[in-house]
Amino acid sequence: MHSRRDTKNGIGSGLLSTVVVIIFLTCLSVSVTSAMEQNGKKRGGGSHMMMQGDPKRPAVEHPMMKPKMYSKTKRCPNCGMMINMWARTRHSFTHPEGDFTTCSIRCMADKAVNSGTQPTAAQVAVYLDPDTIIPVEKAVYVIGSSAKGTMTMNSKIAFADKQAAEKFVADYGGKISDFNGALNAATLELPKSRMMIDKKRKKTGKIKDPTEKDSCVVCGMYPARYPKHNAQIWTKSGETLHFCSTSCFVHFNAEPTRYMKKPVMTKMAWITLFPGGMYESAFGPYYVVGSKVHGPMGMEALPFKIKKDAQVFVESNGGRIVSFSELTPAMVSN
């Protein structure tokens, strides 16, 4: 009996302790929630506290998975991304090298820095109405909202008027700027964004360093042995095709069926910048062909990010500068 009584008292005591703890935790939870709500109000966030990493985003599709044709330009000439998928942030402009449409103000800024020439007659798509494109001088930009950025973590999106921009800021944060402010912000971010983009591409498998077993699709050599020259294509099926050199990449790009039986749909293409050794979209660099500096396969198309660097190289080593669209197998044939 004594043993049973002790057990009964123990259970009753345990239940009482449990109830006390539950009441205490409930009160604590209410107090913390109340404090968080008050803190949110002080920050202009109302009663909804937005946790870091889970921001409230605008209810628009960006990028668009099945977009209509907003632009006749297929790819961004700087990064190679599909323009119509990223139509909400596209910019069109005139440049001494031609008329361009980029996926973002970030790529327009990059083109300006790489070429040494600022864009003119620039226009931008209205973020919430990508069918509409307006002169950048009339646009009102919102920098740093929770809207997804294009080629940057710090989004820069355009609106047709200040009222629309202010309404967006009230809902999604950010600060209002004019075009020059947005372009300057994009330019200052270029070094950091470039490293971030390279890291993300490798993490997601868009770029894969060649292993010792990977062979060049064109010549059969091992690209890992030529880290200053190798290139690769990421196909729409998710496959990575490796090349020992820009030369082999150019030959394949001109006639892929000569080297592979199955059709190849290129999603992205990467080359190794010369002489720095960092991967870059194949579509934007300045290529030096016909110089006295050769690659693994002899004559090589040496890709430079900065046009001035390519010009200095040509002065010392000969050759000429061409764009990606101008590259032909004849230029890199021995």
Protein backbone atom coordinates (compact mmCIF):
# COMPACT_ATOMS: atom_id res chain seq x y z
CA MET A 1 0.00 0.00 0.00
CA HIS A 2 2.78 2.34 0.92
CA SER A 3 4.45 1.75 -2.40
CA ARG A 4 1.26 2.40 -4.34
CA ARG A 5 0.55 5.60 -2.45
CA ASP A 6 3.99 6.92 -3.23
CA THR A 7 3.42 6.16 -6.90
CA LYS A 8 0.06 7.89 -6.88
CA ASN A 9 1.48 10.96 -5.18
CA GLY A 10 4.37 10.95 -7.64
CA ILE A 11 2.01 10.95 -10.61
CA GLY A 12 -0.11 13.73 -9.17
CA SER A 13 2.99 15.78 -8.46
CA GLY A 14 4.31 15.18 -11.98
CA LEU A 15 1.05 16.27 -13.58
CA LEU A 16 1.01 19.44 -11.51
CA SER A 17 4.57 20.24 -12.53
CA THR A 18 3.75 19.61 -16.17
CA VAL A 19 0.73 21.93 -16.04
CA VAL A 20 2.82 24.67 -14.45
CA VAL A 21 5.49 24.34 -17.15
CA ILE A 22 2.89 24.44 -19.96
CA ILE A 23 1.28 27.58 -18.51
CA PHE A 24 4.70 29.21 -18.16
CA LEU A 25 5.74 28.38 -21.74
CA THR A 26 2.39 29.57 -23.11
CA CYS A 27 2.76 32.92 -21.34
CA LEU A 28 6.34 33.19 -22.56
CA SER A 29 5.31 32.43 -26.14
CA VAL A 30 2.57 35.07 -26.05
CA SER A 31 5.00 37.62 -24.61
CA VAL A 32 7.63 36.90 -27.27
CA THR A 33 5.07 37.00 -30.08
CA SER A 34 3.72 40.31 -28.80
CA ALA A 35 7.23 41.74 -28.60
CA MET A 36 7.99 40.57 -32.13
CA GLU A 37 4.80 42.14 -33.45
CA GLN A 38 5.58 45.42 -31.72
CA ASN A 39 9.10 45.30 -33.08
CA GLY A 40 7.71 44.64 -36.55
CA LYS A 41 5.43 47.65 -36.26
CA LYS A 42 8.31 49.86 -35.21
CA ARG A 43 10.13 48.78 -38.35
CA GLY A 44 7.13 49.49 -40.52
CA GLY A 45 6.37 45.83 -40.95
CA GLY A 46 2.89 45.80 -39.37
CA SER A 47 1.93 42.74 -37.38
CA HIS A 48 3.61 40.36 -39.87
CA MET A 49 7.24 39.62 -39.06
CA MET A 50 9.12 38.58 -42.21
CA MET A 51 11.79 36.08 -41.30
CA GLN A 52 15.15 36.26 -43.02
CA GLY A 53 15.38 33.82 -45.91
CA ASP A 54 11.59 33.79 -46.35
CA PRO A 55 10.81 37.20 -47.88
CA LYS A 56 7.46 38.23 -49.24
CA ARG A 57 7.91 38.28 -52.99
CA PRO A 58 5.74 39.90 -55.67
CA ALA A 59 3.22 37.52 -57.24
CA VAL A 60 4.77 37.56 -60.70
CA GLU A 61 6.64 34.88 -62.59
CA HIS A 62 10.32 35.78 -62.92
CA PRO A 63 11.93 34.17 -64.75
CA MET A 64 9.08 33.12 -67.03
CA MET A 65 9.28 29.42 -67.87
CA LYS A 66 7.13 29.59 -71.01
CA PRO A 67 7.35 33.22 -72.11
CA LYS A 68 5.96 34.76 -75.23
CA MET A 69 8.31 36.68 -77.51
CA TYR A 70 8.96 40.03 -75.87
CA SER A 71 12.23 40.49 -77.74
CA LYS A 72 13.60 39.17 -81.02
CA THR A 73 16.98 38.86 -79.33
CA LYS A 74 17.28 35.26 -78.22
CA ARG A 75 20.16 35.39 -75.74
CA CYS A 76 21.73 38.05 -73.60
CA PRO A 77 24.91 38.98 -75.50
CA ASN A 78 26.75 39.32 -72.21
CA CYS A 79 25.77 36.30 -70.07
CA GLY A 80 23.95 34.07 -72.56
CA MET A 81 20.68 33.77 -70.62
CA MET A 82 17.41 33.67 -72.55
CA ILE A 83 16.07 37.21 -72.89
CA ASN A 84 12.38 36.36 -72.99
CA MET A 85 12.58 34.33 -69.78
CA TRP A 86 14.00 37.40 -68.05
CA ALA A 87 11.93 39.92 -70.00
CA ARG A 88 10.83 41.87 -66.92
CA THR A 89 14.34 43.21 -66.37
CA ARG A 90 15.60 43.47 -69.95
CA HIS A 91 17.40 46.57 -71.21
CA SER A 92 17.94 47.61 -74.83
CA PHE A 93 20.58 50.11 -75.90
CA THR A 94 22.81 51.37 -78.68
CA HIS A 95 26.54 50.74 -78.55
CA PRO A 96 29.45 51.30 -80.98
CA GLU A 97 29.57 47.51 -81.40
CA GLY A 98 25.87 47.32 -82.31
CA ASP A 99 22.37 47.41 -80.86
CA PHE A 100 21.96 45.13 -77.86
CA THR A 101 19.30 43.76 -75.54
CA THR A 102 20.54 42.38 -72.24
CA CYS A 103 18.72 40.38 -69.58
CA SER A 104 19.35 43.04 -66.93
CA ILE A 105 20.90 46.35 -65.98
CA ARG A 106 23.70 44.29 -64.46
CA CYS A 107 24.66 42.87 -67.85
CA MET A 108 24.36 46.31 -69.46
CA ALA A 109 26.75 47.68 -66.82
CA ASP A 110 29.10 44.75 -67.41
CA LYS A 111 29.08 45.37 -71.15
CA ALA A 112 29.90 49.04 -70.58
CA VAL A 113 32.84 48.21 -68.29
CA ASN A 114 34.18 45.42 -70.52
CA SER A 115 33.98 47.48 -73.70
CA GLY A 116 35.03 50.80 -72.17
CA THR A 117 32.01 52.51 -73.73
CA GLN A 118 28.77 53.61 -72.09
CA PRO A 119 25.41 52.68 -73.69
CA THR A 120 23.19 55.28 -75.34
CA ALA A 121 19.48 55.45 -76.20
CA ALA A 122 18.79 52.90 -73.46
CA GLN A 123 15.33 51.55 -72.75
CA VAL A 124 14.01 49.28 -70.00
CA ALA A 125 11.03 46.96 -69.59
CA VAL A 126 8.45 47.83 -66.96
CA TYR A 127 8.76 45.09 -64.35
CA LEU A 128 5.03 44.52 -63.79
CA ASP A 129 4.18 45.02 -67.48
CA PRO A 130 7.02 43.54 -69.57
CA ASP A 131 5.17 44.29 -72.81
CA THR A 132 5.95 47.94 -72.14
CA ILE A 133 9.47 49.30 -72.64
CA ILE A 134 10.32 52.93 -71.86
CA PRO A 135 13.38 55.24 -72.02
CA VAL A 136 15.52 54.75 -68.93
CA GLU A 137 15.41 58.49 -68.21
CA LYS A 138 11.67 58.23 -67.62
CA ALA A 139 11.84 55.06 -65.55
CA VAL A 140 11.76 54.96 -61.75
CA TYR A 141 13.93 52.16 -60.36
CA VAL A 142 13.52 50.23 -57.12
CA ILE A 143 16.80 48.84 -55.76
CA GLY A 144 17.06 46.07 -53.19
CA SER A 145 13.44 44.94 -52.83
CA SER A 146 12.46 41.34 -52.14
CA ALA A 147 11.86 40.86 -55.88
CA LYS A 148 14.19 38.26 -57.37
CA GLY A 149 17.25 39.82 -58.96
CA THR A 150 18.58 39.04 -62.42
CA MET A 151 22.31 38.19 -62.32
CA THR A 152 22.47 39.79 -58.88
CA MET A 153 21.18 39.24 -55.34
CA ASN A 154 20.27 42.93 -55.12
CA SER A 155 17.39 43.43 -57.58
CA LYS A 156 17.04 46.57 -59.68
CA ILE A 157 13.65 46.82 -61.37
CA ALA A 158 11.91 49.59 -63.30
CA PHE A 159 8.49 51.24 -63.05
CA ALA A 160 6.75 53.69 -65.33
CA ASP A 161 6.14 56.28 -62.61
CA LYS A 162 7.01 57.17 -59.03
CA GLN A 163 3.57 56.30 -57.67
CA ALA A 164 3.86 52.70 -58.88
CA ALA A 165 7.39 52.46 -57.51
CA GLU A 166 6.36 53.81 -54.10
CA LYS A 167 3.48 51.34 -53.87
CA PHE A 168 5.86 48.50 -54.67
CA VAL A 169 8.36 49.66 -52.04
CA ALA A 170 5.59 49.78 -49.44
CA ASP A 171 4.81 46.12 -50.13
CA TYR A 172 8.24 44.66 -50.91
CA GLY A 173 10.86 47.05 -49.57
CA GLY A 174 13.80 48.59 -51.40
CA LYS A 175 14.67 52.17 -52.19
CA ILE A 176 13.73 54.42 -55.10
CA SER A 177 16.36 55.60 -57.58
CA ASP A 178 16.75 57.00 -61.06
CA PHE A 179 18.54 55.19 -63.90
CA ASN A 180 21.97 56.64 -63.12
CA GLY A 181 21.70 55.52 -59.51
CA ALA A 182 20.67 52.01 -60.55
CA LEU A 183 23.44 51.78 -63.16
CA ASN A 184 26.05 52.98 -60.67
CA ALA A 185 24.84 50.43 -58.11
CA ALA A 186 25.03 47.65 -60.71
CA THR A 187 28.53 48.73 -61.75
CA LEU A 188 29.86 48.79 -58.19
CA GLU A 189 28.47 45.30 -57.57
CA LEU A 190 30.14 43.70 -60.61
CA PRO A 191 33.25 42.23 -58.90
CA LYS A 192 31.22 40.70 -56.06
CA SER A 193 28.38 39.52 -58.28
CA ARG A 194 30.79 37.87 -60.67
CA MET A 195 32.25 35.70 -57.90
CA MET A 196 28.76 34.95 -56.57
CA ILE A 197 27.52 33.93 -60.02
CA ASP A 198 30.53 31.66 -60.63
CA LYS A 199 30.03 29.97 -57.26
CA LYS A 200 26.32 29.47 -57.88
CA ARG A 201 26.86 28.07 -61.36
CA LYS A 202 29.26 25.46 -60.02
CA LYS A 203 27.03 24.63 -57.06
CA THR A 204 24.01 24.02 -59.30
CA GLY A 205 26.01 21.98 -61.81
CA LYS A 206 25.75 24.48 -64.65
CA ILE A 207 29.55 24.51 -64.69
CA LYS A 208 31.47 21.31 -64.00
CA ASP A 209 35.25 21.21 -63.82
CA PRO A 210 36.50 18.41 -66.07
CA THR A 211 37.77 15.31 -64.33
CA GLU A 212 40.85 13.37 -65.40
CA LYS A 213 38.57 10.95 -67.24
CA ASP A 214 36.58 13.55 -69.22
CA SER A 215 37.73 13.79 -72.84
CA CYS A 216 37.29 16.48 -75.47
CA VAL A 217 34.26 15.81 -77.67
CA VAL A 218 36.18 16.94 -80.76
CA CYS A 219 39.77 15.70 -80.44
CA GLY A 220 39.69 13.20 -77.56
CA MET A 221 42.33 14.96 -75.45
CA TYR A 222 41.80 15.58 -71.74
CA PRO A 223 40.53 19.11 -70.93
CA ALA A 224 41.63 18.85 -67.27
CA ARG A 225 45.23 19.00 -68.50
CA TYR A 226 44.61 22.39 -70.12
CA PRO A 227 42.94 24.54 -67.44
CA LYS A 228 43.86 27.81 -69.19
CA HIS A 229 42.06 26.88 -72.40
CA ASN A 230 39.23 24.40 -71.77
CA ALA A 231 35.58 25.10 -72.54
CA GLN A 232 32.26 23.35 -72.03
CA ILE A 233 28.64 23.24 -73.13
CA TRP A 234 25.74 22.60 -70.77
CA THR A 235 22.93 21.01 -72.80
CA LYS A 236 19.19 21.26 -72.29
CA SER A 237 19.20 17.61 -71.30
CA GLY A 238 21.57 18.41 -68.42
CA GLU A 239 24.66 16.87 -69.99
CA THR A 240 28.05 18.62 -69.92
CA LEU A 241 30.25 18.44 -73.02
CA HIS A 242 33.93 19.19 -72.41
CA PHE A 243 36.49 20.68 -74.82
CA CYS A 244 40.24 20.96 -74.40
CA SER A 245 40.34 24.36 -76.06
CA THR A 246 38.32 27.21 -77.45
CA SER A 247 39.45 25.97 -80.87
CA CYS A 248 37.67 22.62 -80.43
CA PHE A 249 34.65 24.41 -78.96
CA VAL A 250 34.42 26.62 -82.07
CA HIS A 251 34.66 23.62 -84.40
CA PHE A 252 31.92 21.79 -82.50
CA ASN A 253 29.65 24.83 -82.32
CA ALA A 254 29.84 25.25 -86.09
CA GLU A 255 29.03 21.60 -86.89
CA PRO A 256 27.88 19.59 -83.86
CA THR A 257 26.48 16.66 -85.90
CA ARG A 258 29.99 15.95 -87.15
CA TYR A 259 31.07 15.02 -83.63
CA MET A 260 27.90 13.65 -82.01
CA LYS A 261 25.18 11.43 -83.44
CA LYS A 262 22.39 12.70 -81.21
CA PRO A 263 21.13 16.29 -81.54
CA VAL A 264 22.65 18.76 -79.07
CA MET A 265 20.57 21.63 -77.73
CA THR A 266 22.87 24.15 -76.07
CA LYS A 267 21.50 25.75 -72.91
CA MET A 268 24.68 27.53 -71.88
CA ALA A 269 28.30 27.57 -73.04
CA TRP A 270 31.39 28.45 -71.03
CA ILE A 271 34.96 29.30 -71.98
CA THR A 272 38.03 29.93 -69.84
CA LEU A 273 39.12 33.56 -69.94
CA PHE A 274 42.68 34.21 -71.03
CA PRO A 275 44.96 34.46 -69.18
CA GLY A 276 43.06 34.58 -65.86
CA GLY A 277 41.62 31.08 -65.96
CA MET A 278 38.04 31.81 -64.79
CA TYR A 279 34.95 30.45 -66.54
CA GLU A 280 32.79 32.97 -68.37
CA SER A 281 29.79 32.81 -70.68
CA ALA A 282 31.08 32.15 -74.19
CA PHE A 283 28.81 34.80 -75.69
CA GLY A 284 30.29 37.98 -74.20
CA PRO A 285 34.12 37.97 -74.40
CA TYR A 286 36.39 39.54 -76.97
CA TYR A 287 38.26 36.80 -78.88
CA VAL A 288 41.74 37.26 -80.30
CA VAL A 289 42.35 35.04 -83.34
CA GLY A 290 45.45 34.69 -85.49
CA SER A 291 47.97 35.60 -82.81
CA LYS A 292 51.34 33.95 -82.26
CA VAL A 293 50.11 32.50 -78.95
CA HIS A 294 48.68 29.03 -79.49
CA GLY A 295 46.54 26.64 -77.44
CA PRO A 296 46.47 22.84 -77.03
CA MET A 297 45.35 22.35 -80.64
CA GLY A 298 47.52 25.03 -82.20
CA MET A 299 45.68 28.11 -83.48
CA GLU A 300 43.43 29.36 -80.74
CA ALA A 301 40.67 31.90 -80.13
CA LEU A 302 41.84 33.56 -76.91
CA PRO A 303 38.91 35.03 -74.96
CA PHE A 304 39.35 38.31 -73.03
CA LYS A 305 36.74 39.85 -70.76
CA ILE A 306 38.08 43.40 -71.14
CA LYS A 307 38.40 44.77 -74.67
CA LYS A 308 41.34 47.00 -73.74
CA ASP A 309 43.28 43.93 -72.53
CA ALA A 310 42.62 42.23 -75.87
CA GLN A 311 43.84 45.31 -77.75
CA VAL A 312 47.07 45.45 -75.73
CA PHE A 313 47.59 41.72 -76.35
CA VAL A 314 47.16 42.17 -80.11
CA GLU A 315 49.74 44.96 -80.16
CA SER A 316 52.34 42.57 -78.74
CA ASN A 317 51.28 39.24 -80.22
CA GLY A 318 49.44 40.03 -83.43
CA GLY A 319 46.02 38.80 -84.47
CA ARG A 320 42.67 40.56 -84.47
CA ILE A 321 39.63 40.85 -82.22
CA VAL A 322 36.29 39.25 -83.10
CA SER A 323 33.02 38.63 -81.27
CA PHE A 324 31.50 35.22 -80.52
CA SER A 325 29.07 35.52 -83.42
CA GLU A 326 31.97 36.14 -85.82
CA LEU A 327 34.00 33.06 -84.82
CA THR A 328 34.49 30.42 -87.55
CA PRO A 329 36.52 27.17 -87.70
CA ALA A 330 38.75 28.74 -90.34
CA MET A 331 39.98 31.27 -87.79
CA VAL A 332 41.29 28.51 -85.51
CA SER A 333 42.51 26.00 -88.08
CA ASN A 334 46.24 25.32 -88.49
